[in-house]
N, C-alpha and C. Protein backbone atom coordinates (compact mmCIF):
# COMPACT_ATOMS: atom_id res chain seq x y z
N MET A 1 9.58 6.71 -3.65
CA MET A 1 10.40 5.61 -3.16
C MET A 1 9.55 4.77 -2.20
N ALA A 2 9.64 3.47 -2.35
CA ALA A 2 8.85 2.55 -1.53
C ALA A 2 9.46 2.42 -0.13
N THR A 3 8.60 2.36 0.86
CA THR A 3 9.06 2.18 2.24
C THR A 3 9.16 0.68 2.53
N PRO A 4 9.95 0.30 3.53
CA PRO A 4 10.02 -1.13 3.88
C PRO A 4 8.65 -1.71 4.22
N ARG A 5 7.81 -0.94 4.91
CA ARG A 5 6.47 -1.41 5.25
C ARG A 5 5.63 -1.63 3.99
N GLY A 6 5.73 -0.70 3.04
CA GLY A 6 4.99 -0.83 1.78
C GLY A 6 5.44 -2.03 0.97
N ILE A 7 6.74 -2.30 0.97
CA ILE A 7 7.27 -3.47 0.27
C ILE A 7 6.75 -4.74 0.92
N GLU A 8 6.72 -4.77 2.25
CA GLU A 8 6.21 -5.94 2.97
C GLU A 8 4.74 -6.18 2.63
N VAL A 9 3.93 -5.13 2.65
CA VAL A 9 2.50 -5.25 2.36
C VAL A 9 2.30 -5.78 0.95
N GLU A 10 3.02 -5.23 -0.02
CA GLU A 10 2.87 -5.68 -1.41
C GLU A 10 3.34 -7.11 -1.59
N PHE A 11 4.40 -7.50 -0.89
CA PHE A 11 4.89 -8.87 -0.96
C PHE A 11 3.81 -9.85 -0.49
N PHE A 12 3.19 -9.58 0.66
CA PHE A 12 2.17 -10.49 1.19
C PHE A 12 0.91 -10.47 0.32
N ARG A 13 0.57 -9.35 -0.26
CA ARG A 13 -0.58 -9.30 -1.19
C ARG A 13 -0.32 -10.19 -2.39
N PHE A 14 0.88 -10.08 -2.97
CA PHE A 14 1.25 -10.91 -4.11
C PHE A 14 1.23 -12.39 -3.74
N LEU A 15 1.85 -12.71 -2.62
CA LEU A 15 1.92 -14.10 -2.17
C LEU A 15 0.52 -14.68 -1.94
N ASN A 16 -0.33 -13.91 -1.26
CA ASN A 16 -1.70 -14.37 -0.99
C ASN A 16 -2.49 -14.57 -2.29
N ARG A 17 -2.36 -13.63 -3.24
CA ARG A 17 -3.08 -13.77 -4.51
C ARG A 17 -2.62 -15.00 -5.28
N TRP A 18 -1.34 -15.32 -5.19
CA TRP A 18 -0.82 -16.48 -5.90
C TRP A 18 -1.21 -17.78 -5.20
N LEU A 19 -1.16 -17.81 -3.87
CA LEU A 19 -1.44 -19.03 -3.11
C LEU A 19 -2.93 -19.37 -3.03
N GLU A 20 -3.77 -18.36 -2.89
CA GLU A 20 -5.19 -18.60 -2.59
C GLU A 20 -5.88 -19.59 -3.52
N PRO A 21 -5.78 -19.44 -4.84
CA PRO A 21 -6.50 -20.39 -5.70
C PRO A 21 -6.00 -21.83 -5.54
N HIS A 22 -4.72 -22.00 -5.30
CA HIS A 22 -4.16 -23.34 -5.11
C HIS A 22 -4.67 -23.98 -3.82
N ILE A 23 -4.72 -23.20 -2.76
CA ILE A 23 -5.18 -23.71 -1.46
C ILE A 23 -6.68 -24.00 -1.52
N ARG A 24 -7.45 -23.10 -2.14
CA ARG A 24 -8.89 -23.32 -2.26
C ARG A 24 -9.19 -24.58 -3.07
N ALA A 25 -8.31 -24.92 -3.99
CA ALA A 25 -8.48 -26.14 -4.80
C ALA A 25 -8.11 -27.39 -4.01
N GLY A 26 -7.52 -27.23 -2.84
CA GLY A 26 -7.22 -28.39 -2.00
C GLY A 26 -5.75 -28.70 -1.84
N ARG A 27 -4.88 -27.99 -2.51
CA ARG A 27 -3.45 -28.25 -2.36
C ARG A 27 -2.94 -27.72 -1.03
N GLY A 28 -2.15 -28.54 -0.34
CA GLY A 28 -1.56 -28.11 0.93
C GLY A 28 -2.46 -28.24 2.13
N ALA A 29 -3.65 -28.81 1.96
CA ALA A 29 -4.61 -28.92 3.06
C ALA A 29 -4.16 -29.98 4.07
N PRO A 30 -4.52 -29.78 5.34
CA PRO A 30 -4.19 -30.81 6.33
C PRO A 30 -4.94 -32.11 6.00
N ARG A 31 -4.21 -33.16 5.75
CA ARG A 31 -4.84 -34.46 5.46
C ARG A 31 -4.28 -35.51 6.40
N LEU A 32 -3.16 -36.11 6.00
CA LEU A 32 -2.56 -37.17 6.81
C LEU A 32 -1.83 -36.61 8.03
N VAL A 33 -1.33 -35.40 7.90
CA VAL A 33 -0.67 -34.74 9.04
C VAL A 33 -1.61 -33.67 9.56
N PRO A 34 -1.48 -33.27 10.82
CA PRO A 34 -2.44 -32.33 11.38
C PRO A 34 -2.31 -30.89 10.87
N GLY A 35 -1.17 -30.53 10.29
CA GLY A 35 -0.97 -29.16 9.86
C GLY A 35 -1.04 -29.01 8.36
N GLY A 36 -1.42 -27.82 7.90
CA GLY A 36 -1.47 -27.54 6.47
C GLY A 36 -2.00 -26.14 6.23
N LEU A 37 -2.44 -25.89 5.02
CA LEU A 37 -2.89 -24.56 4.62
C LEU A 37 -4.40 -24.53 4.40
N ILE A 38 -5.00 -23.42 4.80
CA ILE A 38 -6.41 -23.16 4.54
C ILE A 38 -6.54 -21.74 4.01
N VAL A 39 -7.69 -21.42 3.46
CA VAL A 39 -8.03 -20.04 3.12
C VAL A 39 -9.18 -19.64 4.03
N LEU A 40 -8.98 -18.59 4.80
CA LEU A 40 -10.00 -18.09 5.72
C LEU A 40 -10.67 -16.89 5.10
N GLU A 41 -12.00 -16.88 5.12
CA GLU A 41 -12.77 -15.75 4.60
C GLU A 41 -13.44 -15.03 5.75
N THR A 42 -13.13 -13.75 5.89
CA THR A 42 -13.74 -12.92 6.93
C THR A 42 -14.56 -11.82 6.27
N ARG A 43 -15.36 -11.15 7.09
CA ARG A 43 -16.13 -10.00 6.62
C ARG A 43 -15.49 -8.76 7.24
N GLY A 44 -15.18 -7.77 6.40
CA GLY A 44 -14.54 -6.54 6.88
C GLY A 44 -15.37 -5.86 7.95
N ARG A 45 -14.72 -5.49 9.04
CA ARG A 45 -15.45 -4.90 10.18
C ARG A 45 -15.99 -3.52 9.85
N ASN A 46 -15.38 -2.80 8.92
CA ASN A 46 -15.87 -1.48 8.52
C ASN A 46 -16.58 -1.53 7.17
N SER A 47 -15.97 -2.20 6.21
CA SER A 47 -16.50 -2.20 4.85
C SER A 47 -17.60 -3.22 4.64
N GLY A 48 -17.58 -4.32 5.40
CA GLY A 48 -18.54 -5.39 5.19
C GLY A 48 -18.19 -6.30 4.03
N ARG A 49 -17.09 -5.98 3.31
CA ARG A 49 -16.67 -6.82 2.18
C ARG A 49 -16.00 -8.09 2.68
N ARG A 50 -16.11 -9.13 1.88
CA ARG A 50 -15.44 -10.39 2.20
C ARG A 50 -13.97 -10.28 1.82
N ALA A 51 -13.12 -10.82 2.69
CA ALA A 51 -11.68 -10.84 2.43
C ALA A 51 -11.17 -12.25 2.71
N ARG A 52 -10.30 -12.72 1.87
CA ARG A 52 -9.74 -14.07 2.05
C ARG A 52 -8.24 -13.98 2.27
N VAL A 53 -7.77 -14.84 3.16
CA VAL A 53 -6.34 -14.88 3.46
C VAL A 53 -5.90 -16.33 3.66
N PRO A 54 -4.81 -16.74 3.01
CA PRO A 54 -4.25 -18.07 3.25
C PRO A 54 -3.55 -18.08 4.61
N LEU A 55 -3.77 -19.15 5.36
CA LEU A 55 -3.15 -19.29 6.69
C LEU A 55 -2.70 -20.72 6.91
N VAL A 56 -1.71 -20.86 7.77
CA VAL A 56 -1.30 -22.18 8.23
C VAL A 56 -2.26 -22.57 9.35
N ALA A 57 -2.74 -23.80 9.29
CA ALA A 57 -3.70 -24.27 10.29
C ALA A 57 -3.26 -25.62 10.83
N MET A 58 -3.68 -25.88 12.06
CA MET A 58 -3.43 -27.18 12.67
C MET A 58 -4.75 -27.73 13.17
N ARG A 59 -5.05 -28.98 12.78
CA ARG A 59 -6.25 -29.64 13.26
C ARG A 59 -5.96 -30.24 14.63
N ILE A 60 -6.83 -29.94 15.58
CA ILE A 60 -6.71 -30.52 16.92
C ILE A 60 -8.10 -30.91 17.37
N GLN A 61 -8.36 -32.19 17.44
CA GLN A 61 -9.60 -32.76 17.95
C GLN A 61 -10.85 -32.09 17.35
N GLY A 62 -10.88 -31.99 16.01
CA GLY A 62 -12.05 -31.47 15.32
C GLY A 62 -12.09 -29.96 15.18
N PHE A 63 -11.15 -29.24 15.76
CA PHE A 63 -11.07 -27.79 15.65
C PHE A 63 -9.86 -27.44 14.81
N LEU A 64 -9.77 -26.18 14.36
CA LEU A 64 -8.60 -25.69 13.66
C LEU A 64 -8.01 -24.54 14.45
N LEU A 65 -6.69 -24.53 14.56
CA LEU A 65 -5.96 -23.45 15.21
C LEU A 65 -5.15 -22.75 14.14
N VAL A 66 -5.36 -21.44 13.98
CA VAL A 66 -4.62 -20.65 13.00
C VAL A 66 -3.92 -19.52 13.75
N GLY A 67 -2.89 -18.95 13.12
CA GLY A 67 -2.19 -17.87 13.79
C GLY A 67 -1.34 -17.06 12.84
N THR A 68 -0.85 -15.93 13.35
CA THR A 68 0.04 -15.07 12.59
C THR A 68 0.98 -14.34 13.52
N VAL A 69 2.17 -14.09 13.02
CA VAL A 69 3.16 -13.32 13.78
C VAL A 69 2.87 -11.84 13.62
N ARG A 70 2.27 -11.46 12.52
CA ARG A 70 2.02 -10.05 12.21
C ARG A 70 0.69 -9.60 12.79
N GLY A 71 0.35 -10.03 13.97
CA GLY A 71 -0.96 -9.79 14.54
C GLY A 71 -1.40 -8.34 14.57
N GLY A 72 -0.51 -7.44 14.89
CA GLY A 72 -0.89 -6.03 14.98
C GLY A 72 -1.20 -5.41 13.63
N ARG A 73 -0.60 -5.95 12.57
CA ARG A 73 -0.80 -5.38 11.23
C ARG A 73 -1.80 -6.17 10.40
N SER A 74 -2.04 -7.40 10.75
CA SER A 74 -2.99 -8.22 9.99
C SER A 74 -4.42 -7.79 10.30
N GLN A 75 -5.24 -7.80 9.28
CA GLN A 75 -6.63 -7.38 9.44
C GLN A 75 -7.55 -8.53 9.80
N TRP A 76 -7.20 -9.77 9.41
CA TRP A 76 -8.12 -10.88 9.63
C TRP A 76 -8.45 -11.10 11.10
N PRO A 77 -7.49 -10.94 12.06
CA PRO A 77 -7.90 -11.14 13.46
C PRO A 77 -8.89 -10.08 13.94
N LYS A 78 -8.72 -8.85 13.49
CA LYS A 78 -9.64 -7.78 13.87
C LYS A 78 -11.02 -8.02 13.27
N ASN A 79 -11.05 -8.50 12.02
CA ASN A 79 -12.32 -8.83 11.38
C ASN A 79 -13.01 -9.99 12.08
N LEU A 80 -12.22 -11.01 12.49
CA LEU A 80 -12.80 -12.15 13.21
C LEU A 80 -13.41 -11.71 14.54
N ALA A 81 -12.71 -10.82 15.24
CA ALA A 81 -13.22 -10.35 16.53
C ALA A 81 -14.55 -9.63 16.36
N ALA A 82 -14.70 -8.89 15.26
CA ALA A 82 -15.93 -8.15 15.02
C ALA A 82 -17.05 -9.04 14.49
N SER A 83 -16.69 -10.07 13.73
CA SER A 83 -17.69 -10.95 13.12
C SER A 83 -17.15 -12.38 13.11
N PRO A 84 -17.42 -13.15 14.17
CA PRO A 84 -16.80 -14.46 14.31
C PRO A 84 -17.38 -15.58 13.45
N GLU A 85 -18.48 -15.34 12.75
CA GLU A 85 -19.02 -16.37 11.85
C GLU A 85 -18.29 -16.25 10.52
N VAL A 86 -17.53 -17.28 10.15
CA VAL A 86 -16.65 -17.23 8.99
C VAL A 86 -16.83 -18.47 8.12
N ARG A 87 -16.11 -18.46 6.99
CA ARG A 87 -16.00 -19.64 6.14
C ARG A 87 -14.51 -19.88 5.91
N PHE A 88 -14.16 -21.15 5.66
CA PHE A 88 -12.79 -21.45 5.29
C PHE A 88 -12.80 -22.58 4.27
N TRP A 89 -11.75 -22.61 3.45
CA TRP A 89 -11.58 -23.66 2.47
C TRP A 89 -10.48 -24.59 2.95
N MET A 90 -10.77 -25.87 2.94
CA MET A 90 -9.79 -26.89 3.31
C MET A 90 -10.10 -28.12 2.47
N GLY A 91 -9.08 -28.67 1.83
CA GLY A 91 -9.29 -29.86 1.03
C GLY A 91 -10.20 -29.64 -0.16
N GLY A 92 -10.26 -28.43 -0.67
CA GLY A 92 -11.09 -28.13 -1.83
C GLY A 92 -12.55 -27.89 -1.53
N ARG A 93 -12.92 -27.86 -0.24
CA ARG A 93 -14.33 -27.64 0.15
C ARG A 93 -14.43 -26.42 1.05
N VAL A 94 -15.53 -25.69 0.92
CA VAL A 94 -15.80 -24.55 1.79
C VAL A 94 -16.59 -25.05 3.00
N ARG A 95 -16.27 -24.52 4.17
CA ARG A 95 -16.92 -24.95 5.41
C ARG A 95 -17.19 -23.73 6.30
N PRO A 96 -18.38 -23.67 6.89
CA PRO A 96 -18.67 -22.60 7.84
C PRO A 96 -18.04 -22.91 9.20
N ALA A 97 -17.74 -21.85 9.96
CA ALA A 97 -17.14 -22.04 11.28
C ALA A 97 -17.42 -20.83 12.16
N HIS A 98 -17.23 -21.04 13.45
CA HIS A 98 -17.28 -19.96 14.44
C HIS A 98 -15.87 -19.78 14.97
N ALA A 99 -15.40 -18.54 15.02
CA ALA A 99 -14.02 -18.25 15.42
C ALA A 99 -13.94 -17.57 16.78
N THR A 100 -12.90 -17.92 17.53
CA THR A 100 -12.58 -17.25 18.79
C THR A 100 -11.15 -16.74 18.68
N VAL A 101 -10.96 -15.43 18.81
CA VAL A 101 -9.65 -14.81 18.67
C VAL A 101 -8.92 -14.83 20.01
N ILE A 102 -7.62 -15.14 19.94
CA ILE A 102 -6.77 -15.15 21.13
C ILE A 102 -5.64 -14.16 20.85
N ALA A 103 -5.71 -12.98 21.46
CA ALA A 103 -4.73 -11.92 21.22
C ALA A 103 -4.46 -11.19 22.52
N ALA A 104 -3.34 -10.47 22.57
CA ALA A 104 -2.98 -9.73 23.78
C ALA A 104 -4.03 -8.66 24.10
N SER A 105 -4.62 -8.07 23.06
CA SER A 105 -5.62 -7.03 23.28
C SER A 105 -6.97 -7.59 23.70
N ARG A 106 -7.15 -8.89 23.57
CA ARG A 106 -8.41 -9.54 23.93
C ARG A 106 -8.11 -10.62 24.95
N ARG A 107 -8.55 -10.42 26.14
CA ARG A 107 -8.35 -11.45 27.18
C ARG A 107 -9.14 -12.68 26.80
N PRO A 108 -8.47 -13.82 26.74
CA PRO A 108 -9.24 -15.02 26.37
C PRO A 108 -10.26 -15.36 27.44
N ARG A 109 -11.47 -15.54 27.01
CA ARG A 109 -12.52 -15.93 27.96
C ARG A 109 -12.40 -17.43 28.17
N PRO A 110 -12.95 -17.96 29.22
CA PRO A 110 -12.89 -19.41 29.41
C PRO A 110 -13.52 -20.13 28.22
N LEU A 111 -12.87 -21.16 27.78
CA LEU A 111 -13.35 -21.90 26.63
C LEU A 111 -13.70 -23.32 27.06
N PRO A 112 -14.77 -23.50 27.80
CA PRO A 112 -15.08 -24.82 28.34
C PRO A 112 -15.47 -25.84 27.29
N LYS A 113 -15.94 -25.40 26.11
CA LYS A 113 -16.37 -26.33 25.08
C LYS A 113 -15.19 -26.99 24.37
N LEU A 114 -14.00 -26.47 24.55
CA LEU A 114 -12.85 -27.02 23.84
C LEU A 114 -12.39 -28.32 24.48
N PRO A 115 -11.91 -29.25 23.66
CA PRO A 115 -11.36 -30.49 24.20
C PRO A 115 -10.12 -30.19 25.05
N PRO A 116 -9.79 -31.06 25.99
CA PRO A 116 -8.66 -30.81 26.90
C PRO A 116 -7.34 -30.52 26.19
N LEU A 117 -7.00 -31.25 25.14
CA LEU A 117 -5.73 -31.02 24.45
C LEU A 117 -5.70 -29.62 23.84
N LEU A 118 -6.79 -29.18 23.24
CA LEU A 118 -6.83 -27.85 22.64
C LEU A 118 -6.77 -26.76 23.71
N ARG A 119 -7.43 -26.97 24.85
CA ARG A 119 -7.34 -25.99 25.95
C ARG A 119 -5.89 -25.86 26.40
N PHE A 120 -5.16 -26.98 26.48
CA PHE A 120 -3.76 -26.96 26.87
C PHE A 120 -2.92 -26.18 25.85
N VAL A 121 -3.15 -26.43 24.56
CA VAL A 121 -2.39 -25.74 23.51
C VAL A 121 -2.67 -24.24 23.55
N VAL A 122 -3.93 -23.86 23.71
CA VAL A 122 -4.30 -22.43 23.78
C VAL A 122 -3.62 -21.78 24.98
N ALA A 123 -3.65 -22.44 26.14
CA ALA A 123 -2.99 -21.89 27.34
C ALA A 123 -1.49 -21.73 27.11
N PHE A 124 -0.89 -22.67 26.38
CA PHE A 124 0.54 -22.59 26.06
C PHE A 124 0.84 -21.41 25.15
N LEU A 125 -0.07 -21.08 24.22
CA LEU A 125 0.16 -20.03 23.24
C LEU A 125 -0.13 -18.62 23.74
N VAL A 126 -0.94 -18.48 24.77
CA VAL A 126 -1.34 -17.15 25.25
C VAL A 126 -0.14 -16.24 25.54
N PRO A 127 0.94 -16.71 26.18
CA PRO A 127 2.08 -15.80 26.41
C PRO A 127 2.68 -15.23 25.13
N TYR A 128 2.59 -15.94 24.02
CA TYR A 128 3.14 -15.45 22.76
C TYR A 128 2.36 -14.25 22.22
N THR A 129 1.13 -14.07 22.68
CA THR A 129 0.35 -12.92 22.22
C THR A 129 0.96 -11.61 22.68
N ARG A 130 1.69 -11.64 23.80
CA ARG A 130 2.35 -10.41 24.27
C ARG A 130 3.49 -9.99 23.35
N ALA A 131 3.98 -10.93 22.52
CA ALA A 131 5.04 -10.62 21.56
C ALA A 131 4.48 -10.28 20.18
N GLY A 132 3.15 -10.12 20.08
CA GLY A 132 2.54 -9.72 18.82
C GLY A 132 1.88 -10.82 18.03
N TRP A 133 1.95 -12.06 18.49
CA TRP A 133 1.28 -13.15 17.80
C TRP A 133 -0.22 -13.08 18.06
N VAL A 134 -1.00 -13.53 17.11
CA VAL A 134 -2.44 -13.61 17.26
C VAL A 134 -2.87 -14.99 16.77
N PHE A 135 -3.76 -15.62 17.51
CA PHE A 135 -4.26 -16.95 17.16
C PHE A 135 -5.79 -16.91 17.12
N ALA A 136 -6.35 -17.88 16.45
CA ALA A 136 -7.80 -18.03 16.46
C ALA A 136 -8.10 -19.53 16.42
N VAL A 137 -9.15 -19.88 17.14
CA VAL A 137 -9.66 -21.25 17.13
C VAL A 137 -10.91 -21.23 16.27
N LEU A 138 -10.93 -22.08 15.24
CA LEU A 138 -12.09 -22.20 14.37
C LEU A 138 -12.84 -23.47 14.74
N GLU A 139 -14.11 -23.31 15.05
CA GLU A 139 -14.97 -24.45 15.34
C GLU A 139 -15.86 -24.68 14.14
N PRO A 140 -15.53 -25.69 13.32
CA PRO A 140 -16.36 -25.94 12.14
C PRO A 140 -17.79 -26.30 12.54
N ALA A 141 -18.74 -25.84 11.72
CA ALA A 141 -20.15 -26.18 11.95
C ALA A 141 -20.27 -27.70 11.83
N ARG A 142 -20.87 -28.32 12.81
CA ARG A 142 -20.97 -29.78 12.85
C ARG A 142 -22.02 -30.31 11.88
N HIS A 143 -23.21 -29.81 11.99
CA HIS A 143 -24.30 -30.32 11.18
C HIS A 143 -25.18 -29.15 10.75
N ALA A 144 -25.58 -29.19 9.50
CA ALA A 144 -26.54 -28.18 9.06
C ALA A 144 -27.87 -28.49 9.72
N LYS A 145 -28.61 -27.46 10.07
CA LYS A 145 -29.92 -27.69 10.69
C LYS A 145 -30.81 -28.40 9.69
N LYS A 146 -31.43 -29.46 10.16
CA LYS A 146 -32.31 -30.24 9.27
C LYS A 146 -33.69 -29.60 9.25
N LYS A 147 -34.25 -29.54 8.04
CA LYS A 147 -35.60 -29.00 7.90
C LYS A 147 -36.59 -30.05 8.35
N ALA A 148 -37.68 -29.59 8.93
CA ALA A 148 -38.75 -30.52 9.33
C ALA A 148 -39.40 -31.08 8.08
N PRO A 149 -39.69 -32.37 8.07
CA PRO A 149 -40.32 -32.95 6.88
C PRO A 149 -41.70 -32.33 6.62
N ALA A 150 -42.00 -32.16 5.34
CA ALA A 150 -43.32 -31.60 4.97
C ALA A 150 -44.39 -32.67 5.21
N ARG A 151 -45.56 -32.23 5.65
CA ARG A 151 -46.64 -33.20 5.91
C ARG A 151 -47.69 -33.12 4.87
């Protein structure tokens, strides 16, 4: 007999498998409005395998803010904390990023590089982490390092 927890896990696995290809293709991405769907790829903290999860994201001044209510049970925040260099798909394109996890188990360190509006939003969200929410700020890579011209 299936347990309620097992049913929940299987439901989210099914939903993620169905949504992921559509989101990676660019459907539901934040475009004209600041919020939308992305696919976040993390590296497993124990296995080292890549794992992808669809998430709701909000663009704020060049950064992305993602979150989940199931913070204690979700693996992606734990994987991000262990390996913050990630990739995400938005608008049909893959992009590298650096992630900072904001969770009750992790005291947020000062984030001076963040724009003022994003710092305000993060400060507003921190109390929700005590209720089990987990957030992450994704800083997309700005520019690929340019190779020196050959002489």
